[in-house]
């Protein structure tokens, strides 16, 4: 079940998600009172919460794709390093 703060994070990501990183970090501190690390942790939890999908399906699917792509890239880097 999503909290009011979770809903605020979803709205924030919909509105500010495409900003340059420095602008987004500044806005997340101002609007949500969260550091970049705390925001990323909460957003990561939210995108895997089944209750988030009906709230913002396009956003949730996009963020899940981005997360999967980053994990694949990270795994590929680790495999190359181990060779």
Protein backbone atom coordinates (compact mmCIF):
# COMPACT_ATOMS: atom_id res chain seq x y z
CA UNK A 1 0.00 0.00 0.00
CA UNK A 2 1.38 3.36 -1.03
CA UNK A 3 1.67 6.19 1.47
CA UNK A 4 0.90 9.83 0.78
CA UNK A 5 4.65 10.42 0.57
CA UNK A 6 4.95 7.64 -2.01
CA UNK A 7 2.26 9.34 -4.08
CA UNK A 8 4.17 12.62 -3.75
CA UNK A 9 7.31 10.89 -5.06
CA UNK A 10 5.38 9.50 -8.04
CA UNK A 11 3.98 12.97 -8.83
CA UNK A 12 7.46 14.46 -8.43
CA UNK A 13 8.97 11.91 -10.82
CA UNK A 14 6.23 12.57 -13.37
CA UNK A 15 6.88 16.31 -13.19
CA UNK A 16 10.64 16.51 -12.65
CA UNK A 17 11.89 13.15 -13.93
CA UNK A 18 13.41 14.48 -17.15
CA UNK A 19 15.25 17.45 -15.64
CA UNK A 20 19.05 17.59 -15.61
CA UNK A 21 20.38 15.78 -12.53
CA UNK A 22 21.50 18.89 -10.62
CA UNK A 23 18.09 20.54 -11.05
CA UNK A 24 16.26 17.39 -10.04
CA UNK A 25 18.40 16.90 -6.91
CA UNK A 26 17.78 20.49 -5.88
CA UNK A 27 14.04 20.11 -6.47
CA UNK A 28 13.84 16.81 -4.54
CA UNK A 29 15.45 18.44 -1.52
CA UNK A 30 13.15 21.45 -1.77
CA UNK A 31 9.90 19.65 -2.64
CA UNK A 32 10.27 16.34 -0.78
CA UNK A 33 12.98 16.95 1.80
CA UNK A 34 14.94 13.94 0.56
CA UNK A 35 18.57 13.45 -0.38
CA UNK A 36 19.32 11.86 -3.73
CA UNK A 37 20.19 8.57 -2.01
CA UNK A 38 16.99 8.44 0.03
CA UNK A 39 14.92 9.41 -3.00
CA UNK A 40 16.47 6.66 -5.13
CA UNK A 41 15.89 4.07 -2.41
CA UNK A 42 12.23 5.06 -1.95
CA UNK A 43 11.62 5.24 -5.70
CA UNK A 44 13.19 1.80 -6.15
CA UNK A 45 10.82 0.38 -3.55
CA UNK A 46 7.82 2.18 -5.05
CA UNK A 47 8.34 0.89 -8.60
CA UNK A 48 8.15 -2.68 -7.31
CA UNK A 49 5.06 -2.07 -5.20
CA UNK A 50 2.02 -3.57 -6.97
CA UNK A 51 -0.07 -0.61 -5.80
CA UNK A 52 2.02 1.81 -7.86
CA UNK A 53 1.17 0.33 -11.23
CA UNK A 54 -2.47 1.49 -11.34
CA UNK A 55 -1.42 4.97 -10.18
CA UNK A 56 1.09 5.67 -12.96
CA UNK A 57 1.52 2.68 -15.30
CA UNK A 58 3.59 4.40 -17.99
CA UNK A 59 5.98 5.88 -15.46
CA UNK A 60 6.34 2.63 -13.51
CA UNK A 61 6.99 0.57 -16.65
CA UNK A 62 9.54 3.13 -17.90
CA UNK A 63 11.38 3.18 -14.58
CA UNK A 64 11.41 -0.62 -14.41
CA UNK A 65 12.89 -0.78 -17.94
CA UNK A 66 15.58 1.75 -16.99
CA UNK A 67 16.39 -0.20 -13.83
CA UNK A 68 16.63 -3.50 -15.76
CA UNK A 69 18.88 -1.91 -18.38
CA UNK A 70 21.20 -0.50 -15.72
CA UNK A 71 21.38 -3.86 -13.97
CA UNK A 72 22.30 -5.58 -17.25
CA UNK A 73 25.01 -3.00 -17.91
CA UNK A 74 26.35 -3.41 -14.37
CA UNK A 75 26.44 -7.21 -14.72
CA UNK A 76 28.22 -6.95 -18.09
CA UNK A 77 30.86 -4.67 -16.53
CA UNK A 78 31.38 -7.12 -13.68
CA UNK A 79 31.72 -10.06 -16.06
CA UNK A 80 34.29 -8.19 -18.17
CA UNK A 81 36.22 -7.30 -15.03
CA UNK A 82 36.29 -10.94 -13.89
CA UNK A 83 37.71 -12.18 -17.19
